[in-house]
Amino acid sequence: MRQTSAEEISMEQLILSLISVVLFCLCCHQFIRTMVKPIPVLASERPYARGAMQLGKFYKSMAWGTMTMAFLGGLVVSFQQVFLTL
């Protein structure tokens, strides 16, 4: 078996940290975009359509919020590993 050096492990942790930062930023962007986007006026003329759009917006915000929290947890763990090795 091949022995891994400390430099390779450190590089792997840095790459994983970078990936988690990028994914966290993308999820935050989508989450904020979902929260700020208004419900269109023309599509909500019928009373049931507005409720359906509000429910869809709620589910989208819950999904993006959950993904953001998951990537935030991964971000914290990866940064903890990087700073413990320093």
PDB file of N, CA and C in Angstrom:
ATOM      1  N   MET A   1       0.833  -1.182   0.000  1.00  0.00           N
ATOM      2  CA  MET A   1       0.000   0.000   0.000  1.00  0.00           C
ATOM      3  C   MET A   1       0.879   1.247   0.000  1.00  0.00           C
ATOM      4  N   ARG A   2       0.354   2.270  -0.559  1.00  0.00           N
ATOM      5  CA  ARG A   2       1.086   3.527  -0.644  1.00  0.00           C
ATOM      6  C   ARG A   2       0.887   4.342   0.627  1.00  0.00           C
ATOM      7  N   GLN A   3       1.960   4.854   1.144  1.00  0.00           N
ATOM      8  CA  GLN A   3       1.899   5.708   2.331  1.00  0.00           C
ATOM      9  C   GLN A   3       1.548   7.128   1.889  1.00  0.00           C
ATOM     10  N   THR A   4       0.635   7.767   2.602  1.00  0.00           N
ATOM     11  CA  THR A   4       0.305   9.158   2.291  1.00  0.00           C
ATOM     12  C   THR A   4       1.078  10.063   3.226  1.00  0.00           C
ATOM     13  N   SER A   5       1.630  11.088   2.649  1.00  0.00           N
ATOM     14  CA  SER A   5       2.415  12.015   3.457  1.00  0.00           C
ATOM     15  C   SER A   5       1.502  13.081   4.049  1.00  0.00           C
ATOM     16  N   ALA A   6       2.065  13.829   4.974  1.00  0.00           N
ATOM     17  CA  ALA A   6       1.293  14.892   5.629  1.00  0.00           C
ATOM     18  C   ALA A   6       0.935  15.993   4.641  1.00  0.00           C
ATOM     19  N   GLU A   7       1.796  16.219   3.635  1.00  0.00           N
ATOM     20  CA  GLU A   7       1.512  17.251   2.642  1.00  0.00           C
ATOM     21  C   GLU A   7       0.308  16.880   1.786  1.00  0.00           C
ATOM     22  N   GLU A   8       0.196  15.592   1.420  1.00  0.00           N
ATOM     23  CA  GLU A   8      -0.941  15.151   0.620  1.00  0.00           C
ATOM     24  C   GLU A   8      -2.230  15.253   1.418  1.00  0.00           C
ATOM     25  N   ILE A   9      -2.187  14.903   2.686  1.00  0.00           N
ATOM     26  CA  ILE A   9      -3.372  15.003   3.534  1.00  0.00           C
ATOM     27  C   ILE A   9      -3.762  16.465   3.706  1.00  0.00           C
ATOM     28  N   SER A  10      -2.777  17.318   3.891  1.00  0.00           N
ATOM     29  CA  SER A  10      -3.048  18.747   4.038  1.00  0.00           C
ATOM     30  C   SER A  10      -3.648  19.315   2.756  1.00  0.00           C
ATOM     31  N   MET A  11      -3.121  18.921   1.606  1.00  0.00           N
ATOM     32  CA  MET A  11      -3.650  19.402   0.331  1.00  0.00           C
ATOM     33  C   MET A  11      -5.081  18.909   0.135  1.00  0.00           C
ATOM     34  N   GLU A  12      -5.347  17.672   0.512  1.00  0.00           N
ATOM     35  CA  GLU A  12      -6.698  17.128   0.393  1.00  0.00           C
ATOM     36  C   GLU A  12      -7.674  17.907   1.268  1.00  0.00           C
ATOM     37  N   GLN A  13      -7.266  18.234   2.476  1.00  0.00           N
ATOM     38  CA  GLN A  13      -8.133  19.003   3.367  1.00  0.00           C
ATOM     39  C   GLN A  13      -8.371  20.408   2.832  1.00  0.00           C
ATOM     40  N   LEU A  14      -7.351  21.015   2.249  1.00  0.00           N
ATOM     41  CA  LEU A  14      -7.519  22.350   1.678  1.00  0.00           C
ATOM     42  C   LEU A  14      -8.478  22.334   0.491  1.00  0.00           C
ATOM     43  N   ILE A  15      -8.374  21.312  -0.343  1.00  0.00           N
ATOM     44  CA  ILE A  15      -9.279  21.200  -1.491  1.00  0.00           C
ATOM     45  C   ILE A  15     -10.707  20.977  -1.020  1.00  0.00           C
ATOM     46  N   LEU A  16     -10.901  20.110  -0.034  1.00  0.00           N
ATOM     47  CA  LEU A  16     -12.245  19.885   0.501  1.00  0.00           C
ATOM     48  C   LEU A  16     -12.804  21.143   1.150  1.00  0.00           C
ATOM     49  N   SER A  17     -11.959  21.912   1.815  1.00  0.00           N
ATOM     50  CA  SER A  17     -12.404  23.177   2.405  1.00  0.00           C
ATOM     51  C   SER A  17     -12.833  24.156   1.324  1.00  0.00           C
ATOM     52  N   LEU A  18     -12.057  24.230   0.255  1.00  0.00           N
ATOM     53  CA  LEU A  18     -12.403  25.122  -0.843  1.00  0.00           C
ATOM     54  C   LEU A  18     -13.727  24.720  -1.488  1.00  0.00           C
ATOM     55  N   ILE A  19     -13.911  23.429  -1.700  1.00  0.00           N
ATOM     56  CA  ILE A  19     -15.162  22.942  -2.284  1.00  0.00           C
ATOM     57  C   ILE A  19     -16.340  23.253  -1.368  1.00  0.00           C
ATOM     58  N   SER A  20     -16.174  23.058  -0.068  1.00  0.00           N
ATOM     59  CA  SER A  20     -17.279  23.328   0.851  1.00  0.00           C
ATOM     60  C   SER A  20     -17.604  24.815   0.910  1.00  0.00           C
ATOM     61  N   VAL A  21     -16.597  25.678   0.793  1.00  0.00           N
ATOM     62  CA  VAL A  21     -16.853  27.126   0.772  1.00  0.00           C
ATOM     63  C   VAL A  21     -17.633  27.504  -0.482  1.00  0.00           C
ATOM     64  N   VAL A  22     -17.226  26.972  -1.626  1.00  0.00           N
ATOM     65  CA  VAL A  22     -17.906  27.294  -2.881  1.00  0.00           C
ATOM     66  C   VAL A  22     -19.347  26.800  -2.852  1.00  0.00           C
ATOM     67  N   LEU A  23     -19.569  25.565  -2.410  1.00  0.00           N
ATOM     68  CA  LEU A  23     -20.930  25.031  -2.350  1.00  0.00           C
ATOM     69  C   LEU A  23     -21.786  25.787  -1.347  1.00  0.00           C
ATOM     70  N   PHE A  24     -21.206  26.187  -0.226  1.00  0.00           N
ATOM     71  CA  PHE A  24     -21.945  26.969   0.759  1.00  0.00           C
ATOM     72  C   PHE A  24     -22.356  28.317   0.174  1.00  0.00           C
ATOM     73  N   CYS A  25     -21.449  28.965  -0.538  1.00  0.00           N
ATOM     74  CA  CYS A  25     -21.777  30.261  -1.145  1.00  0.00           C
ATOM     75  C   CYS A  25     -22.867  30.120  -2.206  1.00  0.00           C
ATOM     76  N   LEU A  26     -22.801  29.070  -3.015  1.00  0.00           N
ATOM     77  CA  LEU A  26     -23.835  28.848  -4.023  1.00  0.00           C
ATOM     78  C   LEU A  26     -25.195  28.586  -3.382  1.00  0.00           C
ATOM     79  N   CYS A  27     -25.211  27.791  -2.325  1.00  0.00           N
ATOM     80  CA  CYS A  27     -26.473  27.516  -1.633  1.00  0.00           C
ATOM     81  C   CYS A  27     -27.027  28.774  -0.974  1.00  0.00           C
ATOM     82  N   CYS A  28     -26.172  29.584  -0.392  1.00  0.00           N
ATOM     83  CA  CYS A  28     -26.626  30.851   0.202  1.00  0.00           C
ATOM     84  C   CYS A  28     -27.217  31.761  -0.867  1.00  0.00           C
ATOM     85  N   HIS A  29     -26.567  31.814  -2.018  1.00  0.00           N
ATOM     86  CA  HIS A  29     -27.067  32.645  -3.114  1.00  0.00           C
ATOM     87  C   HIS A  29     -28.459  32.183  -3.554  1.00  0.00           C
ATOM     88  N   GLN A  30     -28.628  30.885  -3.767  1.00  0.00           N
ATOM     89  CA  GLN A  30     -29.922  30.357  -4.186  1.00  0.00           C
ATOM     90  C   GLN A  30     -30.979  30.543  -3.101  1.00  0.00           C
ATOM     91  N   PHE A  31     -30.600  30.366  -1.845  1.00  0.00           N
ATOM     92  CA  PHE A  31     -31.532  30.531  -0.730  1.00  0.00           C
ATOM     93  C   PHE A  31     -32.024  31.976  -0.657  1.00  0.00           C
ATOM     94  N   ILE A  32     -31.111  32.925  -0.758  1.00  0.00           N
ATOM     95  CA  ILE A  32     -31.492  34.340  -0.701  1.00  0.00           C
ATOM     96  C   ILE A  32     -32.325  34.713  -1.927  1.00  0.00           C
ATOM     97  N   ARG A  33     -31.951  34.184  -3.087  1.00  0.00           N
ATOM     98  CA  ARG A  33     -32.716  34.461  -4.304  1.00  0.00           C
ATOM     99  C   ARG A  33     -34.140  33.928  -4.199  1.00  0.00           C
ATOM    100  N   THR A  34     -34.306  32.754  -3.595  1.00  0.00           N
ATOM    101  CA  THR A  34     -35.633  32.186  -3.409  1.00  0.00           C
ATOM    102  C   THR A  34     -36.459  33.016  -2.433  1.00  0.00           C
ATOM    103  N   MET A  35     -35.831  33.487  -1.372  1.00  0.00           N
ATOM    104  CA  MET A  35     -36.561  34.260  -0.369  1.00  0.00           C
ATOM    105  C   MET A  35     -36.979  35.635  -0.901  1.00  0.00           C
ATOM    106  N   VAL A  36     -36.145  36.252  -1.720  1.00  0.00           N
ATOM    107  CA  VAL A  36     -36.394  37.621  -2.170  1.00  0.00           C
ATOM    108  C   VAL A  36     -37.318  37.676  -3.391  1.00  0.00           C
ATOM    109  N   LYS A  37     -37.338  36.625  -4.186  1.00  0.00           N
ATOM    110  CA  LYS A  37     -38.124  36.622  -5.421  1.00  0.00           C
ATOM    111  C   LYS A  37     -39.616  36.745  -5.102  1.00  0.00           C
ATOM    112  N   PRO A  38     -40.279  37.767  -5.655  1.00  0.00           N
ATOM    113  CA  PRO A  38     -41.711  37.933  -5.373  1.00  0.00           C
ATOM    114  C   PRO A  38     -42.560  36.951  -6.178  1.00  0.00           C
ATOM    115  N   ILE A  39     -43.768  36.734  -5.698  1.00  0.00           N
ATOM    116  CA  ILE A  39     -44.722  35.894  -6.422  1.00  0.00           C
ATOM    117  C   ILE A  39     -45.335  36.756  -7.528  1.00  0.00           C
ATOM    118  N   PRO A  40     -45.338  36.286  -8.774  1.00  0.00           N
ATOM    119  CA  PRO A  40     -45.872  37.099  -9.874  1.00  0.00           C
ATOM    120  C   PRO A  40     -47.351  37.436  -9.680  1.00  0.00           C
ATOM    121  N   VAL A  41     -47.722  38.650 -10.035  1.00  0.00           N
ATOM    122  CA  VAL A  41     -49.102  39.107  -9.845  1.00  0.00           C
ATOM    123  C   VAL A  41     -50.038  38.439 -10.839  1.00  0.00           C
ATOM    124  N   LEU A  42     -49.631  38.321 -12.096  1.00  0.00           N
ATOM    125  CA  LEU A  42     -50.514  37.753 -13.114  1.00  0.00           C
ATOM    126  C   LEU A  42     -50.812  36.283 -12.866  1.00  0.00           C
ATOM    127  N   ALA A  43     -49.861  35.557 -12.352  1.00  0.00           N
ATOM    128  CA  ALA A  43     -50.063  34.124 -12.127  1.00  0.00           C
ATOM    129  C   ALA A  43     -50.890  33.854 -10.879  1.00  0.00           C
ATOM    130  N   SER A  44     -51.058  34.850 -10.032  1.00  0.00           N
ATOM    131  CA  SER A  44     -51.784  34.616  -8.779  1.00  0.00           C
ATOM    132  C   SER A  44     -53.164  35.268  -8.779  1.00  0.00           C
ATOM    133  N   GLU A  45     -53.791  35.383  -9.956  1.00  0.00           N
ATOM    134  CA  GLU A  45     -55.122  35.984 -10.029  1.00  0.00           C
ATOM    135  C   GLU A  45     -56.175  35.105  -9.373  1.00  0.00           C
ATOM    136  N   ARG A  46     -56.049  33.813  -9.526  1.00  0.00           N
ATOM    137  CA  ARG A  46     -57.004  32.899  -8.892  1.00  0.00           C
ATOM    138  C   ARG A  46     -56.586  32.676  -7.444  1.00  0.00           C
ATOM    139  N   PRO A  47     -57.548  32.513  -6.541  1.00  0.00           N
ATOM    140  CA  PRO A  47     -57.183  32.368  -5.121  1.00  0.00           C
ATOM    141  C   PRO A  47     -56.357  31.110  -4.831  1.00  0.00           C
ATOM    142  N   TYR A  48     -56.646  30.014  -5.518  1.00  0.00           N
ATOM    143  CA  TYR A  48     -55.888  28.789  -5.252  1.00  0.00           C
ATOM    144  C   TYR A  48     -54.479  28.869  -5.826  1.00  0.00           C
ATOM    145  N   ALA A  49     -54.285  29.651  -6.885  1.00  0.00           N
ATOM    146  CA  ALA A  49     -52.961  29.760  -7.504  1.00  0.00           C
ATOM    147  C   ALA A  49     -51.985  30.464  -6.567  1.00  0.00           C
ATOM    148  N   ARG A  50     -52.449  31.496  -5.869  1.00  0.00           N
ATOM    149  CA  ARG A  50     -51.568  32.221  -4.949  1.00  0.00           C
ATOM    150  C   ARG A  50     -51.137  31.313  -3.801  1.00  0.00           C
ATOM    151  N   GLY A  51     -52.069  30.542  -3.258  1.00  0.00           N
ATOM    152  CA  GLY A  51     -51.721  29.607  -2.179  1.00  0.00           C
ATOM    153  C   GLY A  51     -50.727  28.554  -2.637  1.00  0.00           C
ATOM    154  N   ALA A  52     -50.922  28.066  -3.869  1.00  0.00           N
ATOM    155  CA  ALA A  52     -50.001  27.057  -4.408  1.00  0.00           C
ATOM    156  C   ALA A  52     -48.609  27.648  -4.609  1.00  0.00           C
ATOM    157  N   MET A  53     -48.554  28.888  -5.069  1.00  0.00           N
ATOM    158  CA  MET A  53     -47.250  29.525  -5.267  1.00  0.00           C
ATOM    159  C   MET A  53     -46.568  29.813  -3.934  1.00  0.00           C
ATOM    160  N   GLN A  54     -47.331  30.196  -2.927  1.00  0.00           N
ATOM    161  CA  GLN A  54     -46.744  30.417  -1.605  1.00  0.00           C
ATOM    162  C   GLN A  54     -46.218  29.111  -1.026  1.00  0.00           C
ATOM    163  N   LEU A  55     -46.966  28.023  -1.224  1.00  0.00           N
ATOM    164  CA  LEU A  55     -46.515  26.719  -0.745  1.00  0.00           C
ATOM    165  C   LEU A  55     -45.250  26.276  -1.477  1.00  0.00           C
ATOM    166  N   GLY A  56     -45.206  26.498  -2.790  1.00  0.00           N
ATOM    167  CA  GLY A  56     -44.002  26.165  -3.558  1.00  0.00           C
ATOM    168  C   GLY A  56     -42.797  26.968  -3.103  1.00  0.00           C
ATOM    169  N   LYS A  57     -43.010  28.250  -2.819  1.00  0.00           N
ATOM    170  CA  LYS A  57     -41.915  29.092  -2.332  1.00  0.00           C
ATOM    171  C   LYS A  57     -41.446  28.614  -0.967  1.00  0.00           C
ATOM    172  N   PHE A  58     -42.389  28.193  -0.113  1.00  0.00           N
ATOM    173  CA  PHE A  58     -42.026  27.678   1.207  1.00  0.00           C
ATOM    174  C   PHE A  58     -41.167  26.423   1.079  1.00  0.00           C
ATOM    175  N   TYR A  59     -41.576  25.492   0.209  1.00  0.00           N
ATOM    176  CA  TYR A  59     -40.804  24.259   0.039  1.00  0.00           C
ATOM    177  C   TYR A  59     -39.426  24.534  -0.560  1.00  0.00           C
ATOM    178  N   LYS A  60     -39.349  25.462  -1.506  1.00  0.00           N
ATOM    179  CA  LYS A  60     -38.043  25.813  -2.076  1.00  0.00           C
ATOM    180  C   LYS A  60     -37.129  26.412  -1.017  1.00  0.00           C
ATOM    181  N   SER A  61     -37.681  27.312  -0.212  1.00  0.00           N
ATOM    182  CA  SER A  61     -36.846  27.943   0.814  1.00  0.00           C
ATOM    183  C   SER A  61     -36.424  26.934   1.875  1.00  0.00           C
ATOM    184  N   MET A  62     -37.295  25.984   2.210  1.00  0.00           N
ATOM    185  CA  MET A  62     -36.910  24.940   3.167  1.00  0.00           C
ATOM    186  C   MET A  62     -35.809  24.048   2.588  1.00  0.00           C
ATOM    187  N   ALA A  63     -35.925  23.704   1.311  1.00  0.00           N
ATOM    188  CA  ALA A  63     -34.916  22.845   0.682  1.00  0.00           C
ATOM    189  C   ALA A  63     -33.565  23.552   0.613  1.00  0.00           C
ATOM    190  N   TRP A  64     -33.550  24.797   0.158  1.00  0.00           N
ATOM    191  CA  TRP A  64     -32.284  25.526   0.070  1.00  0.00           C
ATOM    192  C   TRP A  64     -31.733  25.831   1.453  1.00  0.00           C
ATOM    193  N   GLY A  65     -32.608  26.097   2.416  1.00  0.00           N
ATOM    194  CA  GLY A  65     -32.143  26.332   3.785  1.00  0.00           C
ATOM    195  C   GLY A  65     -31.499  25.097   4.386  1.00  0.00           C
ATOM    196  N   THR A  66     -32.097  23.926   4.128  1.00  0.00           N
ATOM    197  CA  THR A  66     -31.531  22.672   4.631  1.00  0.00           C
ATOM    198  C   THR A  66     -30.175  22.389   3.989  1.00  0.00           C
ATOM    199  N   MET A  67     -30.084  22.589   2.682  1.00  0.00           N
ATOM    200  CA  MET A  67     -28.800  22.371   2.008  1.00  0.00           C
ATOM    201  C   MET A  67     -27.743  23.353   2.495  1.00  0.00           C
ATOM    202  N   THR A  68     -28.150  24.602   2.736  1.00  0.00           N
ATOM    203  CA  THR A  68     -27.207  25.602   3.234  1.00  0.00           C
ATOM    204  C   THR A  68     -26.689  25.208   4.608  1.00  0.00           C
ATOM    205  N   MET A  69     -27.569  24.737   5.473  1.00  0.00           N
ATOM    206  CA  MET A  69     -27.141  24.320   6.813  1.00  0.00           C
ATOM    207  C   MET A  69     -26.232  23.090   6.742  1.00  0.00           C
ATOM    208  N   ALA A  70     -26.522  22.163   5.827  1.00  0.00           N
ATOM    209  CA  ALA A  70     -25.667  20.983   5.687  1.00  0.00           C
ATOM    210  C   ALA A  70     -24.267  21.380   5.219  1.00  0.00           C
ATOM    211  N   PHE A  71     -24.190  22.265   4.234  1.00  0.00           N
ATOM    212  CA  PHE A  71     -22.878  22.706   3.769  1.00  0.00           C
ATOM    213  C   PHE A  71     -22.179  23.580   4.795  1.00  0.00           C
ATOM    214  N   LEU A  72     -22.938  24.306   5.619  1.00  0.00           N
ATOM    215  CA  LEU A  72     -22.318  25.070   6.701  1.00  0.00           C
ATOM    216  C   LEU A  72     -21.679  24.118   7.707  1.00  0.00           C
ATOM    217  N   GLY A  73     -22.357  23.014   8.019  1.00  0.00           N
ATOM    218  CA  GLY A  73     -21.767  22.013   8.912  1.00  0.00           C
ATOM    219  C   GLY A  73     -20.497  21.420   8.324  1.00  0.00           C
ATOM    220  N   GLY A  74     -20.525  21.087   7.026  1.00  0.00           N
ATOM    221  CA  GLY A  74     -19.324  20.583   6.366  1.00  0.00           C
ATOM    222  C   GLY A  74     -18.211  21.601   6.333  1.00  0.00           C
ATOM    223  N   LEU A  75     -18.576  22.855   6.159  1.00  0.00           N
ATOM    224  CA  LEU A  75     -17.597  23.941   6.158  1.00  0.00           C
ATOM    225  C   LEU A  75     -16.919  24.064   7.511  1.00  0.00           C
ATOM    226  N   VAL A  76     -17.690  24.000   8.567  1.00  0.00           N
ATOM    227  CA  VAL A  76     -17.124  24.108   9.918  1.00  0.00           C
ATOM    228  C   VAL A  76     -16.194  22.934  10.207  1.00  0.00           C
ATOM    229  N   VAL A  77     -16.623  21.724   9.848  1.00  0.00           N
ATOM    230  CA  VAL A  77     -15.797  20.537  10.106  1.00  0.00           C
ATOM    231  C   VAL A  77     -14.501  20.593   9.303  1.00  0.00           C
ATOM    232  N   SER A  78     -14.585  20.974   8.031  1.00  0.00           N
ATOM    233  CA  SER A  78     -13.362  21.005   7.216  1.00  0.00           C
ATOM    234  C   SER A  78     -12.400  22.089   7.691  1.00  0.00           C
ATOM    235  N   PHE A  79     -12.910  23.249   8.082  1.00  0.00           N
ATOM    236  CA  PHE A  79     -12.017  24.283   8.597  1.00  0.00           C
ATOM    237  C   PHE A  79     -11.425  23.883   9.944  1.00  0.00           C
ATOM    238  N   GLN A  80     -12.189  23.175  10.746  1.00  0.00           N
ATOM    239  CA  GLN A  80     -11.652  22.697  12.022  1.00  0.00           C
ATOM    240  C   GLN A  80     -10.495  21.732  11.770  1.00  0.00           C
ATOM    241  N   GLN A  81     -10.648  20.838  10.811  1.00  0.00           N
ATOM    242  CA  GLN A  81      -9.576  19.900  10.495  1.00  0.00           C
ATOM    243  C   GLN A  81      -8.340  20.625   9.962  1.00  0.00           C
ATOM    244  N   VAL A  82      -8.550  21.617   9.111  1.00  0.00           N
ATOM    245  CA  VAL A  82      -7.412  22.354   8.555  1.00  0.00           C
ATOM    246  C   VAL A  82      -6.673  23.103   9.651  1.00  0.00           C
ATOM    247  N   PHE A  83      -7.397  23.788  10.522  1.00  0.00           N
ATOM    248  CA  PHE A  83      -6.732  24.585  11.548  1.00  0.00           C
ATOM    249  C   PHE A  83      -6.139  23.731  12.662  1.00  0.00           C
ATOM    250  N   LEU A  84      -6.655  22.525  12.866  1.00  0.00           N
ATOM    251  CA  LEU A  84      -6.032  21.630  13.841  1.00  0.00           C
ATOM    252  C   LEU A  84      -4.705  21.087  13.319  1.00  0.00           C
ATOM    253  N   THR A  85      -4.596  20.913  12.000  1.00  0.00           N
ATOM    254  CA  THR A  85      -3.330  20.426  11.446  1.00  0.00           C
ATOM    255  C   THR A  85      -2.285  21.529  11.354  1.00  0.00           C
ATOM    256  N   LEU A  86      -2.718  22.787  11.352  1.00  0.00           N
ATOM    257  CA  LEU A  86      -1.745  23.885  11.309  1.00  0.00           C
ATOM    258  C   LEU A  86      -1.158  24.024  12.677  1.00  0.00           C
TER     259      LEU A  86
END
